[in-house]
Protein backbone atom coordinates (compact mmCIF):
# COMPACT_ATOMS: atom_id res chain seq x y z
CA MET A 1 0.00 0.00 0.00
CA HIS A 2 1.38 3.41 -0.96
CA ASN A 3 2.10 5.61 2.04
CA HIS A 4 -0.35 8.24 0.74
CA ILE A 5 -3.17 5.68 0.59
CA LYS A 6 -2.24 4.40 4.04
CA LYS A 7 -2.37 7.90 5.51
CA LEU A 8 -5.70 8.58 3.79
CA TYR A 9 -7.06 5.30 5.17
CA GLN A 10 -5.92 6.26 8.65
CA SER A 11 -7.62 9.68 8.34
CA ALA A 12 -10.85 8.02 7.19
CA ALA A 13 -10.75 5.63 10.16
CA LYS A 14 -10.31 8.39 12.75
CA THR A 15 -13.16 9.28 15.07
CA GLU A 16 -12.40 12.93 14.36
CA ARG A 17 -10.72 14.76 11.48
CA ARG A 18 -9.45 18.30 11.01
CA ILE A 19 -10.41 19.62 7.59
CA ILE A 20 -9.79 23.08 6.14
CA GLY A 21 -12.56 24.19 3.79
CA LEU A 22 -11.79 26.81 1.13
CA MET A 23 -14.32 28.85 -0.81
CA SER A 24 -13.66 31.53 -3.40
CA GLY A 25 -16.89 32.89 -4.81
CA THR A 26 -17.92 34.89 -7.84
CA SER A 27 -17.64 38.16 -5.91
CA LEU A 28 -13.84 37.75 -5.86
CA ASP A 29 -13.66 39.52 -2.52
CA GLY A 30 -11.39 36.98 -0.90
CA LEU A 31 -10.71 33.38 0.11
CA ASP A 32 -12.91 32.04 2.90
CA VAL A 33 -10.93 29.64 5.07
CA ALA A 34 -12.71 27.45 7.64
CA LEU A 35 -10.90 25.12 10.04
CA CYS A 36 -13.36 22.40 10.95
CA ARG A 37 -13.25 19.52 13.41
CA VAL A 38 -15.45 16.81 11.92
CA SER A 39 -16.59 13.48 13.30
CA GLY A 40 -18.91 10.85 11.91
CA ALA A 41 -20.48 10.96 8.46
CA GLY A 42 -23.91 11.20 6.86
CA LEU A 43 -26.66 12.38 9.18
CA GLN A 44 -24.41 11.47 12.13
CA THR A 45 -21.89 14.16 11.12
CA LYS A 46 -20.83 16.49 13.90
CA LEU A 47 -18.84 19.61 13.08
CA VAL A 48 -17.18 22.27 15.16
CA LEU A 49 -15.94 25.41 13.43
CA GLU A 50 -12.66 26.02 15.22
CA GLN A 51 -11.40 29.00 13.20
CA HIS A 52 -12.45 30.98 10.18
CA THR A 53 -11.23 33.98 8.28
CA THR A 54 -11.53 35.68 4.93
CA LEU A 55 -8.23 36.66 3.33
CA ASN A 56 -8.92 39.57 1.01
CA TYR A 57 -7.63 39.32 -2.54
CA GLN A 58 -5.24 41.91 -3.85
CA ASP A 59 -6.16 43.89 -6.96
CA ASP A 60 -3.68 41.83 -8.97
CA TYR A 61 -5.57 38.61 -8.17
CA ARG A 62 -8.91 40.14 -9.13
CA GLU A 63 -7.52 41.56 -12.37
CA ARG A 64 -6.03 38.23 -13.43
CA VAL A 65 -9.27 36.35 -12.77
CA ARG A 66 -11.57 38.98 -14.25
CA ALA A 67 -9.61 38.77 -17.50
CA VAL A 68 -11.27 35.37 -18.06
CA PHE A 69 -14.20 35.37 -15.62
CA SER A 70 -17.59 34.54 -17.20
CA LYS A 71 -16.23 35.31 -20.69
CA ARG A 72 -16.70 32.98 -23.65
CA ASP A 73 -13.67 34.29 -25.56
CA VAL A 74 -10.46 34.32 -23.51
CA ASP A 75 -6.70 33.91 -23.82
CA LEU A 76 -6.16 30.15 -23.38
CA GLN A 77 -2.55 30.68 -22.28
CA HIS A 78 -3.82 32.99 -19.52
CA VAL A 79 -6.31 30.35 -18.32
CA THR A 80 -3.63 27.64 -18.36
CA LEU A 81 -1.16 29.68 -16.33
CA LEU A 82 -3.87 30.98 -14.00
CA ASN A 83 -4.93 27.44 -13.07
CA ALA A 84 -1.60 26.63 -11.45
CA TRP A 85 -1.06 30.14 -10.06
CA ILE A 86 -4.37 30.20 -8.16
CA GLY A 87 -3.60 26.80 -6.64
CA GLN A 88 -0.27 28.15 -5.40
CA GLN A 89 -1.83 31.40 -4.13
CA HIS A 90 -4.52 29.56 -2.18
CA GLY A 91 -1.82 27.28 -0.78
CA GLU A 92 0.18 30.24 0.49
CA MET A 93 -2.98 31.66 2.07
CA VAL A 94 -3.59 28.37 3.89
CA LYS A 95 0.00 28.42 5.20
CA GLN A 96 -0.59 31.97 6.42
CA CYS A 97 -3.66 30.80 8.35
CA LEU A 98 -1.83 27.81 9.83
CA ALA A 99 0.91 30.09 11.12
CA GLN A 100 -1.67 32.43 12.63
CA TRP A 101 -3.49 29.51 14.28
CA GLN A 102 -0.20 27.98 15.50
CA LEU A 103 -0.78 24.74 13.58
CA THR A 104 1.36 22.70 11.19
CA PRO A 105 0.38 20.67 8.10
CA LEU A 106 0.64 17.52 10.23
CA ASP A 107 -2.29 18.80 12.30
CA ILE A 108 -4.58 18.81 9.25
CA ASP A 109 -6.09 15.74 7.61
CA LEU A 110 -7.44 17.37 4.46
CA ILE A 111 -7.97 20.59 2.57
CA ALA A 112 -11.29 20.85 0.74
CA SER A 113 -10.92 23.31 -2.12
CA HIS A 114 -13.80 24.61 -4.21
CA GLY A 115 -11.44 26.42 -6.56
CA GLN A 116 -12.32 29.55 -8.53
CA THR A 117 -15.28 29.34 -10.88
CA ILE A 118 -14.51 31.06 -14.18
CA PHE A 119 -17.42 29.77 -16.26
CA HIS A 120 -20.70 28.01 -15.55
CA CYS A 121 -22.86 26.86 -18.46
CA PRO A 122 -25.81 24.55 -17.80
CA LYS A 123 -27.53 23.28 -20.92
CA ARG A 124 -30.61 25.42 -20.26
CA GLN A 125 -28.32 28.44 -20.56
CA HIS A 126 -26.09 27.57 -23.55
CA GLN A 127 -28.95 25.78 -25.42
CA ASP A 128 -26.54 23.97 -27.74
CA PRO A 129 -27.94 20.46 -28.41
CA ARG A 130 -24.45 19.05 -28.99
CA TRP A 131 -23.47 19.49 -25.35
CA GLY A 132 -24.68 18.76 -21.85
CA ASN A 133 -24.14 20.75 -18.67
CA GLY A 134 -20.74 22.27 -17.99
CA THR A 135 -18.82 24.22 -15.37
CA LEU A 136 -15.16 25.09 -14.84
CA GLN A 137 -13.34 25.79 -11.61
CA ILE A 138 -9.61 26.46 -11.69
CA GLY A 139 -6.94 26.57 -9.00
CA ASP A 140 -5.17 23.25 -9.46
CA ALA A 141 -5.29 21.11 -6.33
CA ASP A 142 -1.94 19.39 -7.00
CA HIS A 143 -0.27 22.77 -6.70
CA LEU A 144 -2.28 23.54 -3.56
CA ALA A 145 -1.35 20.19 -2.00
CA VAL A 146 2.36 20.53 -2.83
CA THR A 147 2.44 24.14 -1.61
CA THR A 148 0.86 23.25 1.76
CA GLY A 149 2.03 19.68 2.25
CA ILE A 150 -1.59 18.63 2.87
CA THR A 151 -3.72 16.14 0.95
CA THR A 152 -6.36 18.12 -0.95
CA VAL A 153 -9.84 17.19 -2.17
CA SER A 154 -11.12 19.38 -5.00
CA ASP A 155 -13.16 19.76 -8.19
CA PHE A 156 -16.41 18.67 -6.53
CA ARG A 157 -18.80 19.88 -9.20
CA GLN A 158 -17.82 17.54 -12.04
CA LYS A 159 -19.31 14.39 -10.45
CA HIS A 160 -22.58 16.27 -9.92
CA ILE A 161 -22.70 16.95 -13.66
CA ALA A 162 -21.65 13.38 -14.48
CA ALA A 163 -24.64 12.17 -12.44
CA GLY A 164 -27.04 14.22 -14.58
CA ALA A 165 -27.34 17.40 -12.50
CA GLU A 166 -26.03 20.91 -13.25
CA GLY A 167 -22.96 21.11 -11.00
CA ALA A 168 -24.68 23.49 -8.58
CA PRO A 169 -25.77 24.31 -6.01
CA LEU A 170 -23.82 21.78 -3.95
CA ALA A 171 -24.79 23.40 -0.65
CA VAL A 172 -27.75 21.00 -0.47
CA TYR A 173 -25.50 18.12 0.64
CA GLY A 174 -23.90 19.95 3.53
CA ASP A 175 -27.16 21.68 4.40
CA TYR A 176 -28.94 18.33 4.67
CA LEU A 177 -26.20 16.66 6.70
CA LEU A 178 -25.47 19.54 9.05
CA PHE A 179 -28.62 21.60 9.37
CA SER A 180 -31.57 19.18 9.04
CA SER A 181 -33.80 19.26 12.11
CA ALA A 182 -36.82 17.27 13.21
CA ALA A 183 -37.84 20.27 15.31
CA GLU A 184 -38.61 22.70 12.47
CA ASN A 185 -38.86 23.20 8.72
CA ARG A 186 -35.88 25.17 7.45
CA ILE A 187 -34.85 27.14 4.40
CA MET A 188 -31.11 27.63 4.09
CA LEU A 189 -30.72 30.81 2.05
CA ASN A 190 -27.28 31.71 0.76
CA ILE A 191 -26.95 35.18 -0.75
CA GLY A 192 -23.61 35.21 -2.53
CA GLY A 193 -23.00 36.48 -6.04
CA ILE A 194 -25.92 34.25 -6.96
CA ALA A 195 -28.64 33.45 -4.42
CA ASN A 196 -29.61 29.85 -3.75
CA LEU A 197 -31.81 28.03 -1.30
CA THR A 198 -32.09 24.56 0.21
CA TRP A 199 -35.41 23.27 1.55
CA LEU A 200 -35.05 21.04 4.63
CA PRO A 201 -38.38 19.56 5.79
CA ALA A 202 -38.70 18.58 9.42
CA ASN A 203 -39.62 15.03 8.39
CA LEU A 204 -35.94 14.60 7.32
CA ARG A 205 -36.92 12.83 4.08
CA ALA A 206 -34.10 13.20 1.56
CA THR A 207 -36.57 12.70 -1.30
CA GLU A 208 -38.29 15.97 -0.35
CA VAL A 209 -35.10 18.01 0.06
CA PHE A 210 -34.22 20.22 -2.88
CA SER A 211 -31.84 23.02 -3.68
CA SER A 212 -31.75 25.56 -6.47
CA ASP A 213 -30.21 28.78 -7.62
CA ILE A 214 -32.93 31.41 -7.57
CA GLY A 215 -31.39 34.46 -9.21
CA PRO A 216 -28.88 37.24 -8.62
CA GLY A 217 -27.70 37.92 -5.12
CA ASN A 218 -24.87 40.45 -5.08
CA THR A 219 -23.37 39.93 -8.54
CA LEU A 220 -25.19 42.69 -10.45
CA MET A 221 -24.97 45.18 -7.60
CA ASP A 222 -21.25 44.54 -7.18
CA ALA A 223 -20.55 44.78 -10.91
CA TYR A 224 -22.48 48.03 -11.20
CA ILE A 225 -20.83 49.74 -8.25
CA ARG A 226 -17.40 48.81 -9.64
CA GLN A 227 -18.39 50.30 -12.98
CA GLN A 228 -19.42 53.55 -11.28
CA GLN A 229 -16.62 53.63 -8.71
CA PRO A 230 -13.74 51.35 -9.82
CA SER A 231 -11.99 51.50 -6.46
CA VAL A 232 -15.09 50.20 -4.62
CA GLN A 233 -15.87 46.47 -4.49
CA TYR A 234 -19.47 46.64 -3.21
CA ASP A 235 -22.12 49.08 -2.03
CA GLU A 236 -21.23 48.95 1.65
CA GLY A 237 -24.26 49.29 3.90
CA ALA A 238 -26.39 49.80 0.75
CA HIS A 239 -25.26 53.42 0.93
CA LEU A 240 -25.93 54.23 -2.73
CA ALA A 241 -29.08 52.10 -2.95
CA TYR A 242 -30.64 53.94 -0.01
CA GLN A 243 -30.22 57.22 -1.90
CA GLY A 244 -32.14 56.00 -4.94
CA LYS A 245 -35.69 55.19 -5.98
CA VAL A 246 -36.75 51.94 -7.61
CA SER A 247 -37.52 52.25 -11.33
CA GLU A 248 -40.53 50.03 -12.00
CA PRO A 249 -39.93 49.89 -15.79
CA LEU A 250 -36.31 48.78 -15.29
CA LEU A 251 -37.32 46.30 -12.59
CA TYR A 252 -39.89 44.75 -14.92
CA ALA A 253 -37.35 44.44 -17.75
CA LEU A 254 -34.82 42.79 -15.44
CA GLN A 255 -37.39 40.19 -14.41
CA GLN A 256 -38.06 38.88 -17.94
CA ALA A 257 -35.20 36.36 -18.19
CA PRO A 258 -36.47 32.85 -19.08
CA PHE A 259 -34.47 31.62 -16.07
CA PHE A 260 -37.19 32.83 -13.72
CA ALA A 261 -39.92 30.80 -15.44
CA ALA A 262 -37.84 27.59 -15.47
CA ALA A 263 -38.68 24.88 -12.96
CA MET A 264 -36.44 24.20 -9.97
CA PRO A 265 -33.77 22.90 -9.57
CA LYS A 266 -31.84 25.22 -11.87
CA THR A 267 -28.54 27.04 -11.88
CA THR A 268 -27.23 30.32 -13.21
CA GLY A 269 -24.34 32.72 -12.81
CA PRO A 270 -22.72 35.98 -13.90
CA GLU A 271 -22.64 34.50 -17.40
CA LEU A 272 -26.31 35.61 -17.53
CA PHE A 273 -26.68 38.24 -14.84
CA ASN A 274 -24.00 40.76 -15.78
CA LEU A 275 -23.62 44.36 -16.91
CA GLY A 276 -24.61 43.38 -20.46
CA TYR A 277 -27.88 42.02 -19.09
CA LEU A 278 -28.44 45.27 -17.18
CA HIS A 279 -27.67 47.38 -20.25
CA GLN A 280 -30.12 45.41 -22.36
CA ALA A 281 -32.82 45.84 -19.71
CA GLN A 282 -32.15 49.58 -19.57
CA GLN A 283 -32.47 49.83 -23.34
CA GLN A 284 -35.74 47.91 -23.32
CA SER A 285 -37.16 50.04 -20.51
CA HIS A 286 -35.81 53.37 -21.84
CA THR A 287 -33.89 53.96 -18.60
CA ILE A 288 -30.38 54.39 -20.02
CA ASN A 289 -30.06 57.81 -18.39
CA LEU A 290 -31.31 56.69 -14.99
CA ALA A 291 -29.31 58.09 -12.07
CA ALA A 292 -26.78 55.68 -10.57
CA ALA A 293 -28.51 55.66 -7.19
CA ASP A 294 -31.81 54.73 -8.85
CA VAL A 295 -30.15 51.91 -10.80
CA MET A 296 -28.62 50.55 -7.59
CA ALA A 297 -31.91 50.80 -5.72
CA THR A 298 -33.57 48.88 -8.55
CA LEU A 299 -30.88 46.19 -8.62
CA ASN A 300 -31.25 45.80 -4.87
CA ARG A 301 -35.00 45.31 -5.24
CA PHE A 302 -34.43 42.95 -8.19
CA SER A 303 -32.33 40.65 -6.00
CA ALA A 304 -34.85 40.82 -3.15
CA ASP A 305 -37.84 40.12 -5.41
CA SER A 306 -36.03 37.21 -7.09
CA ILE A 307 -35.57 35.56 -3.70
CA ILE A 308 -39.08 36.37 -2.48
CA ASN A 309 -40.74 35.11 -5.67
CA ALA A 310 -38.72 31.89 -5.65
CA ILE A 311 -39.72 31.04 -2.08
CA ARG A 312 -43.36 31.79 -2.84
CA HIS A 313 -43.25 29.89 -6.16
CA ALA A 314 -41.78 26.83 -4.46
CA ILE A 315 -44.92 26.77 -2.26
CA LEU A 316 -42.87 26.34 0.88
CA PRO A 317 -44.84 26.52 4.12
CA ASN A 318 -44.43 29.72 6.07
CA ASN A 319 -44.14 27.82 9.35
CA CYS A 320 -40.41 27.57 8.89
CA VAL A 321 -37.25 29.50 9.63
CA ILE A 322 -35.08 31.05 6.94
CA TYR A 323 -31.41 30.81 7.92
CA ALA A 324 -29.40 33.23 5.79
CA SER A 325 -25.70 33.32 4.98
CA GLY A 326 -23.36 34.89 2.43
CA GLY A 327 -22.33 38.45 1.74
CA GLY A 328 -25.90 39.58 1.14
CA ILE A 329 -26.70 39.39 4.84
CA HIS A 330 -24.54 42.49 5.31
CA ASN A 331 -26.84 44.50 3.01
CA PRO A 332 -29.41 46.00 5.42
CA LEU A 333 -31.74 47.20 2.67
CA LEU A 334 -31.85 43.78 1.02
CA MET A 335 -32.51 41.99 4.31
CA GLN A 336 -35.28 44.43 5.22
CA GLN A 337 -36.92 43.93 1.84
CA LEU A 338 -36.83 40.16 2.33
CA ALA A 339 -38.42 40.43 5.76
CA ASP A 340 -41.12 42.76 4.41
CA GLY A 341 -41.79 40.54 1.41
CA LEU A 342 -41.99 37.29 3.41
CA PRO A 343 -43.96 38.32 6.50
CA GLY A 344 -44.97 34.77 7.43
CA PHE A 345 -41.41 33.55 7.79
CA ARG A 346 -38.97 33.86 10.65
CA PHE A 347 -35.47 35.06 9.77
CA ALA A 348 -32.12 34.24 11.35
CA THR A 349 -28.57 33.68 10.19
CA THR A 350 -26.61 30.46 10.43
CA ALA A 351 -24.89 31.94 13.49
CA ALA A 352 -27.97 30.69 15.35
CA LEU A 353 -26.89 27.19 14.28
CA THR A 354 -23.30 27.74 15.50
CA ILE A 355 -21.87 28.30 12.00
CA HIS A 356 -20.75 31.83 11.19
CA PRO A 357 -22.63 32.94 8.06
CA ASP A 358 -19.46 34.17 6.36
CA ALA A 359 -17.86 30.74 6.79
CA LYS A 360 -20.81 28.54 5.80
CA GLU A 361 -19.85 27.82 2.19
CA ALA A 362 -16.29 26.87 3.13
CA VAL A 363 -17.65 24.65 5.91
CA LEU A 364 -19.93 22.86 3.45
CA PHE A 365 -17.00 21.91 1.23
CA ALA A 366 -15.18 20.55 4.28
CA LEU A 367 -18.24 18.35 4.81
CA LEU A 368 -18.11 17.14 1.20
CA ALA A 369 -14.45 16.19 1.65
CA ASN A 370 -15.36 14.32 4.83
CA GLU A 371 -18.04 12.39 2.93
CA CYS A 372 -15.55 11.68 0.15
CA ILE A 373 -13.18 9.74 2.41
CA ALA A 374 -15.32 8.68 5.41
CA GLY A 375 -18.91 8.67 4.17
CA GLY A 376 -20.66 7.16 1.20
CA GLU A 377 -23.41 5.33 3.07
CA GLN A 378 -25.92 8.17 3.31
CA PRO A 379 -28.64 7.89 0.62
CA PHE A 380 -29.65 11.17 -0.94
CA ALA A 381 -32.30 11.73 -3.61
CA ASP A 382 -31.70 11.81 -7.38
CA ALA A 383 -30.68 14.09 -10.23
CA ALA A 384 -34.28 15.26 -10.68
CA THR A 385 -34.06 17.06 -7.34
CA GLY A 386 -30.53 18.30 -8.01
CA PHE A 387 -29.47 16.00 -5.16
CA PRO A 388 -28.06 12.77 -6.69
CA SER A 389 -26.53 10.11 -4.41
CA ILE A 390 -22.86 10.53 -5.26
CA SER A 391 -19.46 11.04 -3.70
CA MET A 392 -17.68 14.14 -4.92
CA GLY A 393 -14.08 15.28 -5.03
CA LYS A 394 -10.75 14.39 -6.59
CA ILE A 395 -7.81 13.65 -4.31
CA SER A 396 -4.38 15.28 -4.70
CA PHE A 397 -1.46 14.11 -2.61
CA ALA A 398 1.23 16.44 -1.32
CA ASP A 399 4.24 14.89 -3.09
């Protein structure tokens, strides 16, 4: 038996494992790093979030990624070189965290790396009959493993597509394992660049659990504020949005994408909801000259209404709690609009479930890595729910 396989076997056999989850989202604000202590597997999984941080990206990182991000025509050499470079950069960031936490690579069983999405193209979006669903995350895990000296599990989304689903959202697996409760119905709402939800019924039946992207979260607002103020990454505190007034004609035009009429589960991304989409909606609604504050107020309402309409359309009972996470929870205007638009629901963040909302996505990938090596016995649902029974992740050894 190769020493790597032996060590992996020993990690899988432990009663408790330390796994670092990494998440780099479409907002490109930084790398979320979550140090998790995990025991068990399946519905018996127990997780303690020991440490978490977000390491902000430098402008150079953002510029290199944005050169290829969500673009159909790119420099292939740039993509090729970027793949290795991001793996190395994320590895150095992990080493920085280990030093801060006074840990060594020997203290960690696994790194779970989501990578950096640069293009997501489900069939419903590309509509080319020659192809199926597709998605691409870069940040090569071999480079990450060699840089850190830690076995790395990565590239989770490809197995999801191979099983007939769309490669996203994967939060449903971790949500079901970690947050299911017989005491209450729950909606796990993540408001990242794209908003997605997971429905967790109190009866704990996997066949009734589903997860879906539901529309833009922060992606359009962030892109627009950067266009107006290049040195600003997001509309902090909804400062600009609060100054504006919602344009009903523009809001209506934004809501006409076929995505919204499609049945759940479904996925989307900045490949659809981008500045080109906004410009087209402004042309259609004759709002090209709308003040920036009014555009931002409208985009804010667009994200809120997309979430509200999805929850209503899914006919989810209002005797449940919505647990929110992601960058959108820091937008007070958006959160107030959600509360006003869903008066029958109770709102909280995942902090109420002992998981910091800014760390949740990284934690969920740590859970997927745990299932990859120590699980595999928990039945899920099927591809029709976006929740196929599969193990995800490719394993990269450190040397």
